[in-house]
Protein backbone atom coordinates (compact mmCIF):
# COMPACT_ATOMS: atom_id res chain seq x y z
CA MET A 1 25.85 -35.26 65.94
CA THR A 2 27.63 -32.08 64.85
CA THR A 3 25.99 -29.56 62.54
CA ALA A 4 27.96 -28.85 59.37
CA ALA A 5 29.12 -25.31 58.66
CA SER A 6 27.19 -23.39 56.04
CA PRO A 7 28.80 -22.95 52.61
CA ALA A 8 28.37 -19.18 53.03
CA LEU A 9 30.51 -19.11 56.17
CA LEU A 10 33.13 -21.36 54.62
CA HIS A 11 33.29 -19.25 51.47
CA GLN A 12 33.54 -15.99 53.43
CA VAL A 13 36.70 -17.12 55.20
CA GLY A 14 38.40 -17.73 51.87
CA GLU A 15 37.10 -14.55 50.29
CA ARG A 16 38.56 -12.43 53.08
CA ALA A 17 41.85 -14.34 53.19
CA LEU A 18 42.34 -13.99 49.44
CA ALA A 19 41.61 -10.25 49.62
CA TRP A 20 44.38 -9.84 52.21
CA LEU A 21 46.83 -11.94 50.21
CA ASP A 22 46.13 -9.86 47.10
CA ALA A 23 46.51 -6.58 48.99
CA ASN A 24 49.84 -7.74 50.48
CA ARG A 25 51.28 -9.54 47.49
CA GLU A 26 54.35 -7.29 47.24
CA HIS A 27 55.60 -8.76 50.52
CA PHE A 28 56.07 -12.11 48.77
CA ARG A 29 58.77 -10.57 46.58
CA LEU A 30 62.40 -11.64 47.07
CA THR A 31 64.74 -8.84 48.15
CA ASP A 32 68.39 -8.37 47.19
CA ASP A 33 69.32 -9.65 50.65
CA ASP A 34 67.24 -12.77 50.08
CA ARG A 35 69.01 -13.45 46.80
CA ALA A 36 72.44 -13.29 48.47
CA THR A 37 72.30 -16.91 49.67
CA SER A 38 70.52 -20.03 48.45
CA GLY A 39 69.23 -20.76 51.95
CA ALA A 40 67.47 -17.41 52.13
CA VAL A 41 66.01 -17.91 48.66
CA ILE A 42 64.60 -21.29 49.67
CA GLU A 43 62.94 -19.84 52.75
CA ARG A 44 61.40 -16.97 50.80
CA LEU A 45 60.25 -19.27 48.00
CA LYS A 46 58.18 -21.47 50.30
CA PRO A 47 55.42 -18.84 50.73
CA ILE A 48 55.35 -18.37 46.95
CA GLY A 49 54.90 -22.10 46.49
CA GLU A 50 52.13 -22.12 49.07
CA LEU A 51 50.44 -19.22 47.29
CA ALA A 52 50.55 -21.11 44.00
CA ILE A 53 49.08 -24.24 45.60
CA ASN A 54 46.22 -22.21 47.03
CA MET A 55 45.40 -20.63 43.69
CA ARG A 56 45.62 -24.06 42.08
CA VAL A 57 43.12 -25.46 44.60
CA LEU A 58 40.73 -22.57 43.96
CA SER A 59 40.79 -23.13 40.22
CA ARG A 60 40.51 -26.89 40.60
CA GLU A 61 37.61 -26.94 43.04
CA GLY A 62 35.64 -24.34 41.07
CA VAL A 63 34.15 -22.70 44.16
CA ALA A 64 35.49 -19.20 43.59
CA GLY A 65 33.11 -16.43 42.62
CA SER A 66 34.03 -14.02 39.84
CA ARG A 67 35.88 -11.70 42.22
CA GLN A 68 37.90 -14.56 43.74
CA ARG A 69 38.61 -15.99 40.33
CA ASP A 70 39.96 -12.68 39.05
CA ARG A 71 42.13 -12.25 42.14
CA SER A 72 43.47 -15.79 41.97
CA LEU A 73 44.40 -15.42 38.29
CA ARG A 74 46.15 -12.10 38.97
CA LEU A 75 48.07 -13.62 41.87
CA LEU A 76 49.16 -16.62 39.83
CA ASP A 77 50.37 -14.42 36.99
CA PHE A 78 52.15 -12.15 39.47
CA ALA A 79 53.84 -15.12 41.17
CA TRP A 80 55.10 -16.71 37.96
CA ARG A 81 55.98 -13.60 36.02
CA GLU A 82 57.31 -11.26 38.69
CA LEU A 83 58.17 -13.27 41.80
CA LEU A 84 59.75 -16.17 39.92
CA ASP A 85 60.84 -14.26 36.80
CA GLY A 86 59.00 -16.69 34.57
CA GLY A 87 60.70 -19.65 36.26
CA ASN A 88 64.26 -18.31 36.03
CA VAL A 89 64.50 -18.09 39.83
CA LEU A 90 63.63 -21.77 40.15
CA ALA A 91 66.08 -22.80 37.42
CA ALA A 92 68.93 -20.89 39.08
CA LEU A 93 68.15 -22.39 42.48
CA GLN A 94 67.96 -25.93 41.08
CA ARG A 95 71.42 -25.45 39.59
CA ASP A 96 72.82 -23.96 42.82
CA GLU A 97 71.13 -26.50 45.11
CA PRO A 98 70.77 -29.60 42.91
CA LEU A 99 69.58 -31.86 45.74
CA SER A 100 66.95 -29.47 47.11
CA PRO A 101 63.39 -30.64 46.40
CA VAL A 102 62.02 -27.09 46.81
CA PRO A 103 62.40 -25.83 43.19
CA LEU A 104 60.88 -29.04 41.84
CA GLU A 105 57.92 -28.95 44.23
CA ILE A 106 57.14 -25.32 43.43
CA TYR A 107 57.58 -25.83 39.70
CA ALA A 108 55.27 -28.88 39.77
CA THR A 109 52.34 -26.70 40.83
CA PHE A 110 52.94 -24.20 38.03
CA TYR A 111 53.45 -27.09 35.63
CA GLU A 112 49.96 -28.33 36.50
CA LEU A 113 48.72 -24.86 35.59
CA GLY A 114 50.33 -24.98 32.15
CA HIS A 115 53.61 -23.12 32.77
CA ARG A 116 56.85 -24.54 31.35
CA HIS A 117 60.53 -23.71 31.81
CA PRO A 118 63.06 -25.94 30.00
CA GLY A 119 65.87 -24.75 32.27
CA VAL A 120 64.10 -26.04 35.37
CA GLU A 121 63.30 -29.35 33.74
CA ASP A 122 66.86 -29.83 32.46
CA ALA A 123 68.35 -29.06 35.89
CA VAL A 124 65.89 -31.43 37.59
CA ALA A 125 66.67 -34.18 35.07
CA LEU A 126 70.39 -33.80 35.77
CA SER A 127 69.86 -34.01 39.53
CA ARG A 128 67.60 -37.05 39.21
CA ARG A 129 70.30 -38.96 37.33
CA THR A 130 72.48 -38.99 40.45
CA ALA A 131 72.40 -41.78 43.02
CA SER A 132 72.36 -39.06 45.65
CA TRP A 133 68.85 -37.95 44.60
CA ARG A 134 67.41 -41.29 45.72
CA ALA A 135 69.74 -41.65 48.70
CA LEU A 136 69.02 -38.21 50.15
CA GLU A 137 67.76 -38.57 53.72
CA MET A 138 64.53 -36.77 54.56
CA VAL A 139 61.63 -37.33 56.91
CA PRO A 140 58.88 -39.54 55.43
CA ASN A 141 56.27 -36.84 54.83
CA ARG A 142 58.87 -34.73 53.00
CA ARG A 143 59.70 -37.76 50.86
CA LEU A 144 56.00 -37.92 49.98
CA GLY A 145 56.12 -34.29 48.87
CA LEU A 146 59.01 -35.01 46.53
CA LEU A 147 57.36 -38.14 45.11
CA ASN A 148 54.10 -36.26 44.57
CA ALA A 149 55.93 -33.46 42.74
CA GLU A 150 57.58 -36.03 40.47
CA ARG A 151 54.19 -37.59 39.80
CA LYS A 152 52.71 -34.21 38.84
CA LEU A 153 55.45 -33.74 36.25
CA GLY A 154 54.89 -37.22 34.85
CA LEU A 155 58.33 -38.41 35.99
CA VAL A 156 59.19 -41.94 37.04
CA PRO A 157 59.07 -41.72 40.86
CA SER A 158 62.39 -41.89 42.66
CA GLY A 159 60.92 -44.06 45.40
CA ASP A 160 57.99 -46.23 46.41
CA PHE A 161 55.02 -44.00 47.26
CA ASP A 162 53.08 -46.57 49.30
CA LEU A 163 56.16 -47.47 51.30
CA ALA A 164 56.77 -43.79 52.00
CA VAL A 165 53.21 -43.49 53.31
CA GLU A 166 53.69 -46.48 55.59
CA ARG A 167 56.82 -44.90 57.07
CA THR A 168 55.05 -41.72 58.13
CA TRP A 169 53.71 -41.22 61.64
CA LEU A 170 50.16 -41.21 60.30
CA GLY A 171 50.78 -44.31 58.22
CA GLN A 172 51.49 -46.24 61.41
CA THR A 173 48.33 -44.94 63.15
CA PRO A 174 49.94 -44.60 66.62
CA GLU A 175 48.23 -43.76 69.90
CA PRO A 176 46.14 -40.65 69.13
CA TRP A 177 46.93 -39.03 72.46
CA THR A 178 50.62 -38.78 71.46
CA VAL A 179 49.87 -36.11 68.85
CA GLN A 180 51.96 -33.07 69.66
CA PHE A 181 52.64 -29.84 67.81
CA HIS A 182 55.17 -31.02 65.21
CA ILE A 183 53.54 -34.43 64.84
CA ALA A 184 50.24 -32.71 64.05
CA TYR A 185 51.83 -30.62 61.29
CA ASP A 186 53.55 -33.72 59.90
CA LEU A 187 50.32 -35.71 59.71
CA THR A 188 48.50 -32.88 57.93
CA HIS A 189 51.21 -32.73 55.27
CA THR A 190 51.12 -36.49 54.89
CA VAL A 191 47.47 -36.10 53.89
CA PHE A 192 48.21 -33.13 51.62
CA HIS A 193 50.90 -34.99 49.67
CA LEU A 194 48.97 -38.25 49.69
CA THR A 195 45.90 -36.61 48.12
CA ASN A 196 47.79 -34.06 45.97
CA TRP A 197 46.50 -31.22 48.10
CA GLY A 198 42.97 -32.56 48.33
CA GLU A 199 42.55 -33.53 44.68
CA ALA A 200 42.36 -37.29 45.26
CA PRO A 201 40.83 -38.19 48.66
CA ASP A 202 40.47 -41.78 47.46
CA ARG A 203 44.24 -42.19 47.74
CA ILE A 204 43.99 -42.22 51.54
CA PRO A 205 44.23 -45.87 52.65
CA PRO A 206 41.07 -47.13 54.42
CA ALA A 207 42.92 -47.72 57.70
CA ILE A 208 44.05 -44.08 57.77
CA VAL A 209 40.55 -42.89 56.84
CA ASP A 210 39.11 -44.83 59.78
CA TYR A 211 41.80 -43.49 62.11
CA LEU A 212 41.27 -39.87 61.10
CA THR A 213 37.48 -40.17 61.17
CA ARG A 214 37.71 -41.42 64.72
CA TYR A 215 40.29 -39.03 66.18
CA LEU A 216 40.42 -35.88 64.03
CA PRO A 217 37.37 -34.30 65.73
CA ALA A 218 39.12 -34.45 69.12
CA TRP A 219 42.30 -32.93 67.68
CA THR A 220 40.45 -30.06 66.02
CA GLU A 221 38.61 -29.31 69.25
CA ASP A 222 41.86 -29.35 71.23
CA TRP A 223 43.65 -26.94 68.91
CA ALA A 224 40.58 -24.71 68.72
CA ASP A 225 40.62 -24.54 72.53
CA LEU A 226 44.30 -23.57 72.34
CA ALA A 227 43.41 -20.87 69.77
CA HIS A 228 46.14 -22.13 67.45
CA TRP A 229 44.50 -21.06 64.22
CA ASP A 230 47.35 -22.01 61.89
CA LEU A 231 47.35 -25.67 62.93
CA LEU A 232 43.57 -25.75 63.27
CA GLY A 233 43.27 -24.56 59.67
CA GLU A 234 45.49 -27.39 58.46
CA LEU A 235 43.44 -29.91 60.43
CA LEU A 236 40.27 -28.52 58.85
CA VAL A 237 41.81 -29.16 55.42
CA VAL A 238 42.50 -32.75 56.48
CA ASP A 239 38.85 -33.08 57.47
CA ALA A 240 37.78 -31.82 54.03
CA CYS A 241 39.98 -34.49 52.42
CA LEU A 242 38.07 -37.33 54.09
CA PRO A 243 35.35 -39.26 52.25
CA ARG A 244 32.80 -38.01 54.81
CA PRO A 245 34.09 -34.72 56.23
CA ALA A 246 32.56 -33.40 59.42
CA LEU A 247 32.83 -29.69 58.47
CA ASP A 248 32.00 -29.04 62.12
CA GLY A 249 29.94 -25.84 62.26
CA GLU A 250 30.97 -24.89 65.80
CA VAL A 251 34.67 -25.29 65.10
CA TRP A 252 34.39 -23.38 61.83
CA GLU A 253 32.53 -20.54 63.55
CA ARG A 254 35.35 -20.24 66.09
CA TYR A 255 37.90 -20.32 63.28
CA ALA A 256 36.06 -17.67 61.27
CA ALA A 257 35.71 -15.46 64.35
CA ALA A 258 39.50 -15.50 64.78
CA GLN A 259 40.03 -13.97 61.34
CA SER A 260 40.90 -10.28 61.49
CA ASP A 261 38.81 -7.59 59.79
CA SER A 262 41.57 -7.29 57.18
CA GLY A 263 41.18 -10.96 56.24
CA ALA A 264 44.49 -12.05 57.76
CA MET A 265 44.44 -15.06 60.07
CA PRO A 266 46.71 -14.95 63.13
CA VAL A 267 48.92 -17.90 64.00
CA ARG A 268 47.61 -18.09 67.53
CA ASN A 269 45.29 -15.94 69.64
CA GLY A 270 45.08 -12.44 68.13
CA MET A 271 46.87 -10.47 65.43
CA PRO A 272 50.46 -9.36 66.13
CA ASP A 273 51.66 -5.79 66.19
CA GLY A 274 54.37 -4.32 63.97
CA ASP A 275 54.88 -2.81 60.53
CA ALA A 276 53.27 -4.34 57.50
CA ALA A 277 56.31 -6.45 56.51
CA GLU A 278 56.74 -7.87 60.00
CA VAL A 279 53.06 -8.72 60.30
CA PHE A 280 53.12 -10.32 56.85
CA ASP A 281 56.01 -12.61 57.82
CA GLN A 282 54.05 -13.78 60.87
CA VAL A 283 50.59 -14.28 59.38
CA HIS A 284 50.99 -15.09 55.69
CA HIS A 285 51.07 -18.84 56.38
CA PRO A 286 47.89 -19.08 58.49
CA THR A 287 46.15 -16.80 55.99
CA LEU A 288 47.18 -19.05 53.09
CA VAL A 289 45.95 -22.02 55.12
CA ALA A 290 42.62 -20.25 55.67
CA ALA A 291 42.19 -19.79 51.91
CA PHE A 292 43.07 -23.46 51.34
CA ALA A 293 40.73 -24.72 54.07
CA SER A 294 37.91 -22.54 52.77
CA ALA A 295 38.25 -23.77 49.17
CA MET A 296 38.31 -27.42 50.16
CA ALA A 297 35.52 -27.21 52.74
CA THR A 298 33.26 -25.07 50.53
CA SER A 299 33.63 -27.55 47.69
CA ARG A 300 32.76 -30.48 49.94
CA ALA A 301 29.80 -28.64 51.52
CA LEU A 302 28.35 -27.72 48.13
CA SER A 303 28.79 -31.31 46.94
CA ALA A 304 26.96 -32.56 50.02
CA ASP A 305 24.10 -30.10 49.39
CA ALA A 306 23.85 -31.22 45.77
CA ASP A 307 23.75 -34.87 46.80
CA ALA A 308 21.03 -34.09 49.34
CA VAL A 309 18.89 -32.38 46.69
CA ALA A 310 19.40 -35.24 44.27
């Protein structure tokens, strides 16, 4: 039987990751070159959306200390007010790329946090009235992301959520040894969208829970051995979404040891070299994942401790 990681270790990973994200927040900002094309805007908006999701998870799970809470609130305000110009960036992109789900998905997170922008909502409503919105081809786990965003905004879903789950790789519970790099990322995002980023673990169908409980420990060990910290972090979030997470202490110790002194988490092996902007582009995602994994796992560990005391 594995020993669960201590809440202190779990919390420390998130504390350090959030400190790095706060210190490097200017690198999230769109440049004039980024704004030149919609494609570049979409790519640069994804990290902002991921940042918002992380801050949302921190506030939802209630595991942040006062310092983390202050940082998360500052980052959220910075993202909405300065990076997204109070939502104007999302509204413009939704008008320019009416079939892109990216503005809607990012807006849905801020909507959950109480932010509103009529221009975004009007542009989304116009897009959703087209037959093309429902007919748009996308891989199943991306369809889940769109349906979950619609659900967060209280919109009538543009597709069948359960059917979308069944069409994912994870929904079909294939041979576990066929998990490869991209499949692993896809299955983690299936869980994220299915549970609304860890908010509702009970939405995972029992067959998928059984499948993940059985095989996830082997996958986390494999990717830890490969020192792929970005994917390992996502798998650790999946673990924290299960009804009975393992929170494997040995794996978490290896993950925490990979974190740099600055708080940044490398994608794989050690930290890259380069100027601050280049390093940011390479490590912002695994560092965001580290903050996400920490918040989810800390919350579950503290809940387990409270249940044990009771």
